[in-house]
Amino acid sequence: MTAFIASLMFVVLAEMGDKTQLLAMAFATRYSAHKVLLAVFFATLVNHGLAVLTGHFLTTVIPLDVISFAAAFSFIIFGLWTIRGDKLEREDKKESRFGPVLTVGIAFFLAEMGDKTQLATISLAVEYKNMIHVLMGTTLGMVIADAVGIILGIVMRKHIPEKTIKWISAVIFVMFGLRGMCQILSPRLDILSIWGVMALISLGTIYAAWRLSKPEKSDDASGFQEKR
């Protein structure tokens, strides 16, 4: 059950502010919520099924310690990715002659390819070596997170700042990543070296988070600068 609970929790956190959660909000304005969630379930089941198989295969060709360290570091990347957030690129505007479930399912499957929740699923499959429980946890986590997204989009969006949700999720991701890296380094380095490595990674993460949280310059401003 540890693999199931951890997988569910991580994917719920990873989905906060993610493109697929934005898709859920957008499609819920066009189709009924239960059809959107049904499509999310089937698309995630197929997509994350491919991810856990990939994670299982990696353990047979790459040393487990290397993969475990990369998986722990990836959680820090997921945290920074959560701060950056995603924007829709008209995926919700694409028309289809198929029914609502298949239309939404195809859109979710394509949007999830290479997304951080799919990458997190690969990392979790490596970490826990339990493909079935990881797949169940990540699939249910995706459905829960997108259900929350629909509720936020329809009812509660004015009351809960999206930025607050992103930062809480990001901090939890980074903490889990640092903890995992510390556990991997503990048998190999002395305590001072571990603290030094952790300090460098933490400072780099804080700096990256600060840069990602800065508002981007508008096109108008950049155009004005080019004219000057």
Protein backbone atom coordinates (compact mmCIF):
# COMPACT_ATOMS: atom_id res chain seq x y z
CA MET A 1 0.00 0.00 0.00
CA THR A 2 2.99 2.33 0.45
CA ALA A 3 3.56 2.46 -3.30
CA PHE A 4 -0.14 3.12 -3.93
CA ILE A 5 -0.46 5.93 -1.38
CA ALA A 6 2.82 7.59 -2.36
CA SER A 7 1.95 7.42 -6.06
CA LEU A 8 -1.52 8.85 -5.46
CA MET A 9 -0.14 11.72 -3.36
CA PHE A 10 2.65 12.63 -5.75
CA VAL A 11 0.43 12.72 -8.81
CA VAL A 12 -2.24 14.78 -7.04
CA LEU A 13 0.48 17.31 -6.17
CA ALA A 14 2.05 17.18 -9.63
CA GLU A 15 -1.29 17.88 -11.31
CA MET A 16 -1.89 21.14 -9.43
CA GLY A 17 -1.55 23.84 -12.09
CA ASP A 18 -0.53 21.30 -14.73
CA LYS A 19 -1.67 21.48 -18.36
CA THR A 20 -3.93 18.45 -18.02
CA GLN A 21 -5.67 19.98 -15.01
CA LEU A 22 -6.21 23.13 -17.07
CA LEU A 23 -7.64 20.91 -19.79
CA ALA A 24 -10.06 19.37 -17.30
CA MET A 25 -11.26 22.84 -16.31
CA ALA A 26 -11.67 23.86 -19.95
CA PHE A 27 -13.44 20.71 -21.12
CA ALA A 28 -15.79 20.83 -18.12
CA THR A 29 -17.26 24.02 -19.62
CA ARG A 30 -18.16 22.07 -22.80
CA TYR A 31 -19.00 18.56 -21.56
CA SER A 32 -20.47 17.11 -18.37
CA ALA A 33 -17.99 16.61 -15.52
CA HIS A 34 -18.50 12.84 -15.25
CA LYS A 35 -17.70 12.33 -18.95
CA VAL A 36 -14.55 14.42 -18.61
CA LEU A 37 -13.40 12.38 -15.59
CA LEU A 38 -14.19 9.09 -17.33
CA ALA A 39 -12.03 10.17 -20.26
CA VAL A 40 -9.26 11.22 -17.85
CA PHE A 41 -9.37 7.78 -16.21
CA PHE A 42 -8.98 5.78 -19.44
CA ALA A 43 -6.37 8.13 -20.95
CA THR A 44 -4.30 8.06 -17.76
CA LEU A 45 -4.57 4.27 -17.43
CA VAL A 46 -3.05 3.80 -20.89
CA ASN A 47 -0.51 6.60 -20.62
CA HIS A 48 0.78 5.70 -17.17
CA GLY A 49 0.73 2.02 -18.05
CA LEU A 50 3.37 2.84 -20.63
CA ALA A 51 5.23 4.89 -18.01
CA VAL A 52 5.46 2.12 -15.38
CA LEU A 53 6.64 -0.35 -18.03
CA THR A 54 9.35 2.12 -18.97
CA GLY A 55 10.36 2.49 -15.32
CA HIS A 56 10.50 -1.29 -14.89
CA PHE A 57 12.67 -1.66 -17.99
CA LEU A 58 15.14 1.02 -16.85
CA THR A 59 16.02 -0.97 -13.72
CA THR A 60 17.28 -3.84 -15.87
CA VAL A 61 19.76 -1.77 -17.91
CA ILE A 62 20.94 1.03 -15.56
CA PRO A 63 22.38 0.64 -12.00
CA LEU A 64 19.61 1.07 -9.44
CA ASP A 65 21.54 3.67 -7.39
CA VAL A 66 21.93 5.89 -10.44
CA ILE A 67 18.23 5.62 -11.28
CA SER A 68 17.21 6.24 -7.65
CA PHE A 69 19.33 9.40 -7.45
CA ALA A 70 17.93 10.64 -10.77
CA ALA A 71 14.39 9.87 -9.56
CA ALA A 72 14.96 11.84 -6.33
CA PHE A 73 16.42 14.76 -8.29
CA SER A 74 13.48 14.63 -10.69
CA PHE A 75 11.10 15.42 -7.83
CA ILE A 76 12.94 18.73 -7.35
CA ILE A 77 12.47 19.39 -11.06
CA PHE A 78 8.75 18.59 -10.70
CA GLY A 79 8.55 21.14 -7.89
CA LEU A 80 10.14 23.83 -10.02
CA TRP A 81 7.91 22.82 -12.96
CA THR A 82 4.88 23.27 -10.70
CA ILE A 83 6.00 26.82 -9.85
CA ARG A 84 6.44 27.63 -13.52
CA GLY A 85 3.02 26.21 -14.37
CA ASP A 86 1.58 25.39 -17.78
CA LYS A 87 -0.51 27.18 -20.34
CA LEU A 88 -2.97 25.70 -22.75
CA GLU A 89 -2.02 25.83 -26.41
CA ARG A 90 -5.57 25.58 -27.82
CA GLU A 91 -5.85 21.86 -27.02
CA ASP A 92 -9.32 22.52 -25.59
CA LYS A 93 -10.41 24.25 -28.85
CA LYS A 94 -9.69 21.35 -31.17
CA GLU A 95 -12.88 19.92 -32.60
CA SER A 96 -13.53 16.21 -33.07
CA ARG A 97 -16.22 14.16 -34.74
CA PHE A 98 -15.94 11.57 -31.95
CA GLY A 99 -18.03 11.60 -28.77
CA PRO A 100 -17.11 13.65 -25.67
CA VAL A 101 -15.32 10.80 -23.84
CA LEU A 102 -13.11 9.85 -26.80
CA THR A 103 -12.47 13.49 -27.71
CA VAL A 104 -11.35 14.39 -24.19
CA GLY A 105 -9.48 11.10 -23.79
CA ILE A 106 -7.38 11.65 -26.92
CA ALA A 107 -6.60 15.22 -25.87
CA PHE A 108 -5.53 14.08 -22.39
CA PHE A 109 -3.41 11.23 -23.71
CA LEU A 110 -1.50 13.53 -26.06
CA ALA A 111 -1.13 16.31 -23.46
CA GLU A 112 0.24 13.81 -20.91
CA MET A 113 2.98 12.50 -23.22
CA GLY A 114 6.26 13.77 -21.75
CA ASP A 115 4.43 15.73 -19.07
CA LYS A 116 5.78 15.83 -15.51
CA THR A 117 3.08 13.49 -14.15
CA GLN A 118 4.09 10.85 -16.69
CA LEU A 119 7.75 11.35 -15.78
CA ALA A 120 6.86 11.17 -12.08
CA THR A 121 5.12 7.85 -12.75
CA ILE A 122 8.33 6.46 -14.29
CA SER A 123 10.28 7.63 -11.21
CA LEU A 124 7.75 6.08 -8.84
CA ALA A 125 7.85 2.77 -10.70
CA VAL A 126 11.62 2.77 -10.28
CA GLU A 127 11.43 3.74 -6.61
CA TYR A 128 8.83 1.22 -5.45
CA LYS A 129 9.25 -1.61 -8.01
CA ASN A 130 5.51 -2.33 -7.89
CA MET A 131 3.98 -1.59 -11.28
CA ILE A 132 0.38 -2.42 -10.39
CA HIS A 133 0.16 -0.32 -7.22
CA VAL A 134 1.99 2.59 -8.84
CA LEU A 135 -0.34 2.48 -11.86
CA MET A 136 -3.41 2.34 -9.61
CA GLY A 137 -2.14 5.20 -7.45
CA THR A 138 -1.15 7.50 -10.30
CA THR A 139 -4.37 6.86 -12.22
CA LEU A 140 -6.58 7.55 -9.21
CA GLY A 141 -4.41 10.55 -8.33
CA MET A 142 -4.94 12.01 -11.78
CA VAL A 143 -8.72 11.58 -11.56
CA ILE A 144 -8.83 13.15 -8.07
CA ALA A 145 -6.62 16.09 -9.07
CA ASP A 146 -8.62 16.81 -12.20
CA ALA A 147 -11.87 16.52 -10.26
CA VAL A 148 -10.46 19.14 -7.89
CA GLY A 149 -9.51 21.20 -10.93
CA ILE A 150 -13.06 21.07 -12.24
CA ILE A 151 -14.43 22.12 -8.84
CA LEU A 152 -11.88 24.94 -8.58
CA GLY A 153 -12.68 26.08 -12.08
CA ILE A 154 -16.45 26.05 -11.64
CA VAL A 155 -17.03 26.90 -7.99
CA MET A 156 -13.99 27.84 -5.93
CA ARG A 157 -11.54 29.53 -8.25
CA LYS A 158 -12.33 32.99 -6.87
CA HIS A 159 -11.68 31.88 -3.29
CA ILE A 160 -8.43 29.86 -3.52
CA PRO A 161 -5.44 31.58 -5.16
CA GLU A 162 -3.85 29.30 -7.75
CA LYS A 163 -0.40 30.60 -6.82
CA THR A 164 -0.82 29.41 -3.23
CA ILE A 165 -1.72 25.89 -4.35
CA LYS A 166 1.27 25.77 -6.70
CA TRP A 167 3.77 26.87 -4.05
CA ILE A 168 2.53 24.39 -1.44
CA SER A 169 2.76 21.57 -3.96
CA ALA A 170 6.20 22.68 -5.12
CA VAL A 171 7.64 22.84 -1.59
CA ILE A 172 6.42 19.31 -0.80
CA PHE A 173 7.95 18.00 -4.03
CA VAL A 174 11.32 19.60 -3.30
CA MET A 175 11.35 18.29 0.29
CA PHE A 176 10.73 14.73 -0.89
CA GLY A 177 13.43 15.09 -3.53
CA LEU A 178 16.02 16.36 -1.03
CA ARG A 179 15.12 13.60 1.42
CA GLY A 180 15.55 10.92 -1.24
CA MET A 181 18.92 12.29 -2.36
CA CYS A 182 20.14 12.48 1.23
CA GLN A 183 19.22 8.83 1.83
CA ILE A 184 21.13 7.74 -1.29
CA LEU A 185 24.25 9.75 -0.38
CA SER A 186 24.32 8.77 3.31
CA PRO A 187 26.16 5.42 2.93
CA ARG A 188 28.72 6.92 0.53
CA LEU A 189 29.71 10.32 1.96
CA ASP A 190 30.54 11.75 5.37
CA ILE A 191 28.04 14.05 7.05
CA LEU A 192 29.85 17.30 6.13
CA SER A 193 30.00 16.35 2.45
CA ILE A 194 26.31 15.44 2.46
CA TRP A 195 25.40 18.77 4.07
CA GLY A 196 27.55 20.57 1.49
CA VAL A 197 25.86 18.80 -1.44
CA MET A 198 22.41 19.39 0.04
CA ALA A 199 23.19 23.07 0.64
CA LEU A 200 24.32 23.57 -2.96
CA ILE A 201 21.26 21.81 -4.35
CA SER A 202 18.95 23.74 -2.00
CA LEU A 203 20.48 27.10 -2.95
CA GLY A 204 20.25 26.22 -6.64
CA THR A 205 16.61 25.20 -6.18
CA ILE A 206 15.76 28.42 -4.33
CA TYR A 207 17.42 30.51 -7.04
CA ALA A 208 15.62 28.61 -9.81
CA ALA A 209 12.30 28.99 -7.97
CA TRP A 210 12.90 32.73 -7.62
CA ARG A 211 13.66 33.08 -11.32
CA LEU A 212 10.62 31.03 -12.34
CA SER A 213 8.32 33.01 -10.06
CA LYS A 214 9.29 36.34 -11.63
CA PRO A 215 6.63 37.64 -14.03
CA GLU A 216 7.58 37.45 -17.69
CA LYS A 217 8.00 40.67 -19.65
CA SER A 218 5.09 41.43 -21.90
CA ASP A 219 5.43 41.39 -25.64
CA ASP A 220 4.58 45.09 -25.70
CA ALA A 221 7.45 45.91 -23.38
CA SER A 222 9.94 43.86 -25.41
CA GLY A 223 8.69 45.45 -28.60
CA PHE A 224 9.16 48.90 -27.09
CA GLN A 225 12.73 48.04 -26.11
CA GLU A 226 13.47 46.78 -29.63
CA LYS A 227 12.22 50.05 -31.12
CA ARG A 228 14.51 52.00 -28.84
